[in-house]
Amino acid sequence: MKKLVVGATAAVALAIALATTGYAQDSQAPGYMIANYTINDQAGFKKYMEEAGPLAPKFGGKIIVFNLNATAVEGEPKKVMAIAEFPSLADAQRFYKSPEYTAARKFRVASTEGSVIITEGFFPPQH
């Protein structure tokens, strides 16, 4: 019985802590598309930028980092760093899988070498 009371008390304390910090269950962490690549074909990359450039806002996204000459401080990443932020992971995935971006993506894939990651961001507790 004592373990049950302690466990229930801990659960209530956690629920109160989460509620008072604003970490509600319906809160969503942002979604990010992070690209790190080297451009091998400037003309092909220009086509990618022309087609993909205006798409992120249509999916609630915004480009928060775009650097053609990022400086590595550890490891061996590629030169170009681009990060797009979306309201949620689902929005980032919807953007990436959309017919519009799929059509534009072929130019990036053909003209660059690197990686693209889609991830959920950190949603800090609200005070």
N, C-alpha and C. Protein backbone atom coordinates (compact mmCIF):
# COMPACT_ATOMS: atom_id res chain seq x y z
N MET A 1 0.83 -1.19 0.00
CA MET A 1 0.00 0.00 0.00
C MET A 1 0.87 1.25 0.00
N LYS A 2 1.97 1.23 0.78
CA LYS A 2 2.86 2.38 0.87
C LYS A 2 3.46 2.71 -0.50
N LYS A 3 3.87 1.66 -1.28
CA LYS A 3 4.43 1.88 -2.61
C LYS A 3 3.42 2.51 -3.55
N LEU A 4 2.16 2.08 -3.45
CA LEU A 4 1.10 2.62 -4.28
C LEU A 4 0.89 4.11 -4.00
N VAL A 5 0.88 4.49 -2.73
CA VAL A 5 0.71 5.90 -2.35
C VAL A 5 1.88 6.73 -2.82
N VAL A 6 3.11 6.22 -2.65
CA VAL A 6 4.30 6.95 -3.08
C VAL A 6 4.29 7.11 -4.60
N GLY A 7 3.94 6.03 -5.32
CA GLY A 7 3.87 6.11 -6.77
C GLY A 7 2.81 7.08 -7.25
N ALA A 8 1.65 7.06 -6.64
CA ALA A 8 0.57 7.98 -7.01
C ALA A 8 0.97 9.42 -6.69
N THR A 9 1.61 9.63 -5.56
CA THR A 9 2.07 10.97 -5.18
C THR A 9 3.09 11.48 -6.19
N ALA A 10 4.01 10.62 -6.61
CA ALA A 10 5.02 11.02 -7.61
C ALA A 10 4.36 11.37 -8.93
N ALA A 11 3.38 10.59 -9.34
CA ALA A 11 2.68 10.87 -10.60
C ALA A 11 1.94 12.20 -10.53
N VAL A 12 1.28 12.48 -9.42
CA VAL A 12 0.58 13.75 -9.25
C VAL A 12 1.57 14.91 -9.25
N ALA A 13 2.70 14.73 -8.55
CA ALA A 13 3.72 15.78 -8.50
C ALA A 13 4.26 16.08 -9.89
N LEU A 14 4.50 15.03 -10.69
CA LEU A 14 4.98 15.22 -12.05
C LEU A 14 3.94 15.95 -12.90
N ALA A 15 2.69 15.55 -12.78
CA ALA A 15 1.62 16.21 -13.54
C ALA A 15 1.51 17.68 -13.17
N ILE A 16 1.62 17.99 -11.90
CA ILE A 16 1.55 19.39 -11.45
C ILE A 16 2.75 20.16 -11.98
N ALA A 17 3.94 19.55 -11.89
CA ALA A 17 5.14 20.23 -12.38
C ALA A 17 5.05 20.52 -13.87
N LEU A 18 4.58 19.56 -14.64
CA LEU A 18 4.45 19.78 -16.08
C LEU A 18 3.40 20.84 -16.38
N ALA A 19 2.30 20.82 -15.66
CA ALA A 19 1.24 21.81 -15.88
C ALA A 19 1.69 23.20 -15.51
N THR A 20 2.42 23.33 -14.41
CA THR A 20 2.82 24.66 -13.96
C THR A 20 3.97 25.23 -14.79
N THR A 21 4.73 24.37 -15.46
CA THR A 21 5.79 24.88 -16.32
C THR A 21 5.31 25.13 -17.73
N GLY A 22 4.06 24.82 -18.01
CA GLY A 22 3.52 25.06 -19.35
C GLY A 22 3.86 23.98 -20.34
N TYR A 23 4.37 22.87 -19.88
CA TYR A 23 4.72 21.77 -20.77
C TYR A 23 3.48 20.92 -20.99
N ALA A 24 2.55 21.46 -21.71
CA ALA A 24 1.26 20.79 -21.94
C ALA A 24 1.41 19.67 -22.94
N GLN A 25 0.55 18.69 -22.85
CA GLN A 25 0.61 17.55 -23.75
C GLN A 25 0.33 17.94 -25.19
N ASP A 26 -0.41 18.99 -25.41
CA ASP A 26 -0.74 19.37 -26.78
C ASP A 26 0.31 20.30 -27.40
N SER A 27 1.36 20.62 -26.66
CA SER A 27 2.43 21.45 -27.19
C SER A 27 3.21 20.64 -28.22
N GLN A 28 3.66 21.31 -29.28
CA GLN A 28 4.42 20.64 -30.32
C GLN A 28 5.81 21.22 -30.41
N ALA A 29 6.77 20.35 -30.50
CA ALA A 29 8.13 20.79 -30.78
C ALA A 29 8.21 21.14 -32.26
N PRO A 30 9.03 22.10 -32.60
CA PRO A 30 9.19 22.41 -34.02
C PRO A 30 9.89 21.26 -34.75
N GLY A 31 9.75 21.25 -36.06
CA GLY A 31 10.44 20.28 -36.89
C GLY A 31 11.51 21.00 -37.70
N TYR A 32 12.60 20.32 -37.97
CA TYR A 32 13.71 20.94 -38.71
C TYR A 32 14.15 20.04 -39.85
N MET A 33 14.49 20.66 -40.96
CA MET A 33 15.16 19.99 -42.05
C MET A 33 16.55 20.60 -42.11
N ILE A 34 17.55 19.77 -41.88
CA ILE A 34 18.94 20.23 -41.80
C ILE A 34 19.71 19.61 -42.97
N ALA A 35 20.28 20.46 -43.79
CA ALA A 35 21.03 19.98 -44.95
C ALA A 35 22.49 20.44 -44.83
N ASN A 36 23.39 19.54 -45.13
CA ASN A 36 24.82 19.84 -45.10
C ASN A 36 25.43 19.20 -46.35
N TYR A 37 25.91 20.02 -47.26
CA TYR A 37 26.37 19.48 -48.53
C TYR A 37 27.43 20.37 -49.17
N THR A 38 28.05 19.81 -50.20
CA THR A 38 29.00 20.52 -51.05
C THR A 38 28.36 20.63 -52.42
N ILE A 39 28.47 21.79 -53.02
CA ILE A 39 27.90 22.01 -54.36
C ILE A 39 28.94 21.59 -55.40
N ASN A 40 28.55 20.67 -56.27
CA ASN A 40 29.44 20.20 -57.34
C ASN A 40 29.09 20.79 -58.70
N ASP A 41 27.87 21.29 -58.84
CA ASP A 41 27.39 21.81 -60.13
C ASP A 41 26.59 23.09 -59.84
N GLN A 42 27.21 24.24 -60.06
CA GLN A 42 26.56 25.52 -59.75
C GLN A 42 25.28 25.74 -60.55
N ALA A 43 25.26 25.38 -61.81
CA ALA A 43 24.07 25.59 -62.64
C ALA A 43 22.91 24.73 -62.13
N GLY A 44 23.18 23.48 -61.81
CA GLY A 44 22.13 22.61 -61.28
C GLY A 44 21.64 23.10 -59.93
N PHE A 45 22.56 23.58 -59.10
CA PHE A 45 22.17 24.09 -57.79
C PHE A 45 21.33 25.36 -57.93
N LYS A 46 21.65 26.17 -58.92
CA LYS A 46 20.85 27.38 -59.16
C LYS A 46 19.40 27.00 -59.51
N LYS A 47 19.22 25.95 -60.30
CA LYS A 47 17.87 25.47 -60.63
C LYS A 47 17.14 25.02 -59.36
N TYR A 48 17.87 24.31 -58.49
CA TYR A 48 17.29 23.87 -57.22
C TYR A 48 16.82 25.08 -56.40
N MET A 49 17.66 26.09 -56.28
CA MET A 49 17.32 27.27 -55.49
C MET A 49 16.12 28.01 -56.07
N GLU A 50 16.05 28.09 -57.39
CA GLU A 50 14.92 28.76 -58.03
C GLU A 50 13.60 28.04 -57.73
N GLU A 51 13.64 26.71 -57.76
CA GLU A 51 12.41 25.94 -57.54
C GLU A 51 12.08 25.74 -56.06
N ALA A 52 13.10 25.48 -55.25
CA ALA A 52 12.86 25.16 -53.83
C ALA A 52 12.77 26.40 -52.96
N GLY A 53 13.44 27.47 -53.37
CA GLY A 53 13.51 28.68 -52.55
C GLY A 53 12.19 29.18 -51.98
N PRO A 54 11.14 29.30 -52.77
CA PRO A 54 9.88 29.85 -52.25
C PRO A 54 8.94 28.82 -51.59
N LEU A 55 9.35 27.56 -51.48
CA LEU A 55 8.41 26.52 -51.02
C LEU A 55 8.21 26.43 -49.51
N ALA A 56 9.24 26.62 -48.71
CA ALA A 56 9.12 26.41 -47.26
C ALA A 56 7.97 27.18 -46.62
N PRO A 57 7.78 28.46 -46.93
CA PRO A 57 6.66 29.19 -46.32
C PRO A 57 5.29 28.60 -46.63
N LYS A 58 5.15 27.92 -47.74
CA LYS A 58 3.87 27.29 -48.09
C LYS A 58 3.51 26.16 -47.13
N PHE A 59 4.51 25.66 -46.39
CA PHE A 59 4.31 24.58 -45.43
C PHE A 59 4.54 25.07 -44.00
N GLY A 60 4.47 26.39 -43.82
CA GLY A 60 4.66 26.98 -42.49
C GLY A 60 6.11 27.09 -42.09
N GLY A 61 7.02 26.84 -43.01
CA GLY A 61 8.44 26.84 -42.69
C GLY A 61 9.13 28.15 -42.99
N LYS A 62 10.31 28.26 -42.41
CA LYS A 62 11.17 29.42 -42.70
C LYS A 62 12.62 28.96 -42.65
N ILE A 63 13.43 29.55 -43.49
CA ILE A 63 14.85 29.23 -43.52
C ILE A 63 15.50 30.03 -42.39
N ILE A 64 16.13 29.33 -41.46
CA ILE A 64 16.76 30.03 -40.34
C ILE A 64 18.28 30.05 -40.45
N VAL A 65 18.84 29.16 -41.28
CA VAL A 65 20.28 29.15 -41.54
C VAL A 65 20.48 28.81 -43.00
N PHE A 66 21.29 29.60 -43.68
CA PHE A 66 21.73 29.26 -45.03
C PHE A 66 23.09 29.90 -45.21
N ASN A 67 24.13 29.07 -45.15
CA ASN A 67 25.50 29.56 -45.23
C ASN A 67 26.25 28.73 -46.25
N LEU A 68 26.73 29.37 -47.29
CA LEU A 68 27.45 28.67 -48.35
C LEU A 68 28.90 28.35 -47.98
N ASN A 69 29.37 28.89 -46.87
CA ASN A 69 30.76 28.66 -46.48
C ASN A 69 30.86 28.52 -44.97
N ALA A 70 30.12 27.57 -44.41
CA ALA A 70 30.13 27.35 -42.97
C ALA A 70 31.51 26.88 -42.51
N THR A 71 31.92 27.31 -41.34
CA THR A 71 33.21 26.95 -40.79
C THR A 71 33.07 25.77 -39.84
N ALA A 72 33.80 24.72 -40.13
CA ALA A 72 33.79 23.53 -39.26
C ALA A 72 34.74 23.76 -38.10
N VAL A 73 34.28 23.43 -36.92
CA VAL A 73 35.14 23.49 -35.74
C VAL A 73 35.46 22.09 -35.22
N GLU A 74 34.71 21.10 -35.66
CA GLU A 74 34.97 19.70 -35.32
C GLU A 74 34.51 18.83 -36.48
N GLY A 75 35.18 17.75 -36.70
CA GLY A 75 34.77 16.80 -37.74
C GLY A 75 35.04 17.33 -39.14
N GLU A 76 34.39 16.69 -40.11
CA GLU A 76 34.57 17.05 -41.51
C GLU A 76 33.24 17.26 -42.22
N PRO A 77 32.44 18.22 -41.77
CA PRO A 77 31.17 18.47 -42.47
C PRO A 77 31.43 19.17 -43.80
N LYS A 78 30.39 19.21 -44.62
CA LYS A 78 30.47 19.88 -45.92
C LYS A 78 30.38 21.39 -45.71
N LYS A 79 30.61 22.17 -46.76
CA LYS A 79 30.65 23.63 -46.66
C LYS A 79 29.29 24.31 -46.49
N VAL A 80 28.27 23.79 -47.15
CA VAL A 80 26.96 24.45 -47.12
C VAL A 80 26.15 23.91 -45.95
N MET A 81 25.59 24.81 -45.16
CA MET A 81 24.72 24.44 -44.04
C MET A 81 23.41 25.19 -44.23
N ALA A 82 22.32 24.44 -44.25
CA ALA A 82 20.99 25.05 -44.39
C ALA A 82 20.05 24.39 -43.40
N ILE A 83 19.29 25.22 -42.69
CA ILE A 83 18.31 24.71 -41.73
C ILE A 83 16.99 25.43 -41.96
N ALA A 84 15.94 24.64 -42.16
CA ALA A 84 14.59 25.17 -42.27
C ALA A 84 13.81 24.73 -41.05
N GLU A 85 13.09 25.65 -40.45
CA GLU A 85 12.28 25.35 -39.27
C GLU A 85 10.81 25.31 -39.66
N PHE A 86 10.08 24.32 -39.17
CA PHE A 86 8.66 24.15 -39.43
C PHE A 86 7.92 24.07 -38.10
N PRO A 87 6.62 24.35 -38.10
CA PRO A 87 5.85 24.31 -36.85
C PRO A 87 5.90 22.96 -36.14
N SER A 88 6.08 21.87 -36.91
CA SER A 88 6.11 20.54 -36.30
C SER A 88 6.92 19.60 -37.18
N LEU A 89 7.24 18.44 -36.64
CA LEU A 89 7.92 17.42 -37.40
C LEU A 89 7.07 16.98 -38.59
N ALA A 90 5.77 16.86 -38.38
CA ALA A 90 4.86 16.46 -39.47
C ALA A 90 4.88 17.48 -40.60
N ASP A 91 4.97 18.78 -40.27
CA ASP A 91 5.04 19.81 -41.31
C ASP A 91 6.34 19.70 -42.10
N ALA A 92 7.45 19.43 -41.42
CA ALA A 92 8.74 19.26 -42.10
C ALA A 92 8.68 18.06 -43.04
N GLN A 93 8.10 16.97 -42.58
CA GLN A 93 7.99 15.78 -43.42
C GLN A 93 7.05 16.02 -44.60
N ARG A 94 5.96 16.73 -44.36
CA ARG A 94 5.01 17.05 -45.43
C ARG A 94 5.71 17.89 -46.51
N PHE A 95 6.52 18.85 -46.09
CA PHE A 95 7.28 19.68 -47.03
C PHE A 95 8.21 18.79 -47.87
N TYR A 96 9.01 17.97 -47.18
CA TYR A 96 10.00 17.15 -47.86
C TYR A 96 9.37 16.18 -48.87
N LYS A 97 8.21 15.64 -48.52
CA LYS A 97 7.54 14.66 -49.38
C LYS A 97 6.58 15.28 -50.39
N SER A 98 6.41 16.60 -50.34
CA SER A 98 5.45 17.25 -51.23
C SER A 98 5.88 17.11 -52.69
N PRO A 99 4.92 17.08 -53.61
CA PRO A 99 5.26 17.00 -55.03
C PRO A 99 6.14 18.18 -55.48
N GLU A 100 5.89 19.36 -54.93
CA GLU A 100 6.67 20.54 -55.32
C GLU A 100 8.13 20.39 -54.92
N TYR A 101 8.37 19.98 -53.67
CA TYR A 101 9.76 19.84 -53.23
C TYR A 101 10.42 18.63 -53.87
N THR A 102 9.67 17.58 -54.08
CA THR A 102 10.22 16.39 -54.75
C THR A 102 10.75 16.76 -56.14
N ALA A 103 10.01 17.61 -56.84
CA ALA A 103 10.45 18.06 -58.17
C ALA A 103 11.72 18.90 -58.08
N ALA A 104 11.80 19.77 -57.08
CA ALA A 104 12.97 20.63 -56.91
C ALA A 104 14.17 19.84 -56.39
N ARG A 105 13.90 18.88 -55.52
CA ARG A 105 14.95 18.11 -54.86
C ARG A 105 15.85 17.40 -55.86
N LYS A 106 15.31 16.99 -56.98
CA LYS A 106 16.14 16.26 -57.96
C LYS A 106 17.33 17.10 -58.42
N PHE A 107 17.17 18.43 -58.47
CA PHE A 107 18.28 19.30 -58.87
C PHE A 107 19.36 19.35 -57.79
N ARG A 108 18.93 19.36 -56.51
CA ARG A 108 19.92 19.36 -55.42
C ARG A 108 20.66 18.04 -55.38
N VAL A 109 19.94 16.95 -55.49
CA VAL A 109 20.56 15.63 -55.45
C VAL A 109 21.59 15.49 -56.58
N ALA A 110 21.25 16.00 -57.76
CA ALA A 110 22.15 15.89 -58.91
C ALA A 110 23.34 16.84 -58.83
N SER A 111 23.21 17.93 -58.08
CA SER A 111 24.26 18.96 -58.09
C SER A 111 25.07 19.07 -56.80
N THR A 112 24.73 18.26 -55.80
CA THR A 112 25.43 18.35 -54.52
C THR A 112 25.79 16.97 -53.99
N GLU A 113 26.63 16.97 -52.97
CA GLU A 113 26.98 15.75 -52.25
C GLU A 113 26.87 16.07 -50.77
N GLY A 114 26.10 15.30 -50.04
CA GLY A 114 25.97 15.57 -48.61
C GLY A 114 24.81 14.83 -47.99
N SER A 115 24.21 15.48 -46.98
CA SER A 115 23.13 14.82 -46.25
C SER A 115 22.01 15.79 -45.91
N VAL A 116 20.83 15.21 -45.70
CA VAL A 116 19.66 15.96 -45.25
C VAL A 116 19.03 15.15 -44.13
N ILE A 117 18.71 15.84 -43.05
CA ILE A 117 18.11 15.20 -41.88
C ILE A 117 16.83 15.94 -41.55
N ILE A 118 15.79 15.20 -41.20
CA ILE A 118 14.57 15.80 -40.66
C ILE A 118 14.45 15.33 -39.23
N THR A 119 14.30 16.27 -38.31
CA THR A 119 14.27 15.93 -36.90
C THR A 119 13.31 16.83 -36.15
N GLU A 120 12.84 16.31 -35.04
CA GLU A 120 12.02 17.12 -34.15
C GLU A 120 12.95 17.95 -33.28
N GLY A 121 12.58 19.19 -33.05
CA GLY A 121 13.39 20.06 -32.21
C GLY A 121 13.07 19.87 -30.74
N PHE A 122 13.79 20.58 -29.93
CA PHE A 122 13.61 20.54 -28.49
C PHE A 122 12.55 21.56 -28.12
N PHE A 123 11.61 21.15 -27.32
CA PHE A 123 10.56 22.05 -26.85
C PHE A 123 10.77 22.29 -25.36
N PRO A 124 11.41 23.40 -25.02
CA PRO A 124 11.73 23.62 -23.60
C PRO A 124 10.47 23.90 -22.78
N PRO A 125 10.50 23.52 -21.51
CA PRO A 125 9.37 23.85 -20.64
C PRO A 125 9.17 25.36 -20.56
N GLN A 126 7.92 25.78 -20.54
CA GLN A 126 7.60 27.20 -20.42
C GLN A 126 7.46 27.55 -18.94
N HIS A 127 7.98 28.67 -18.57
CA HIS A 127 7.85 29.10 -17.16
C HIS A 127 6.81 30.17 -17.01
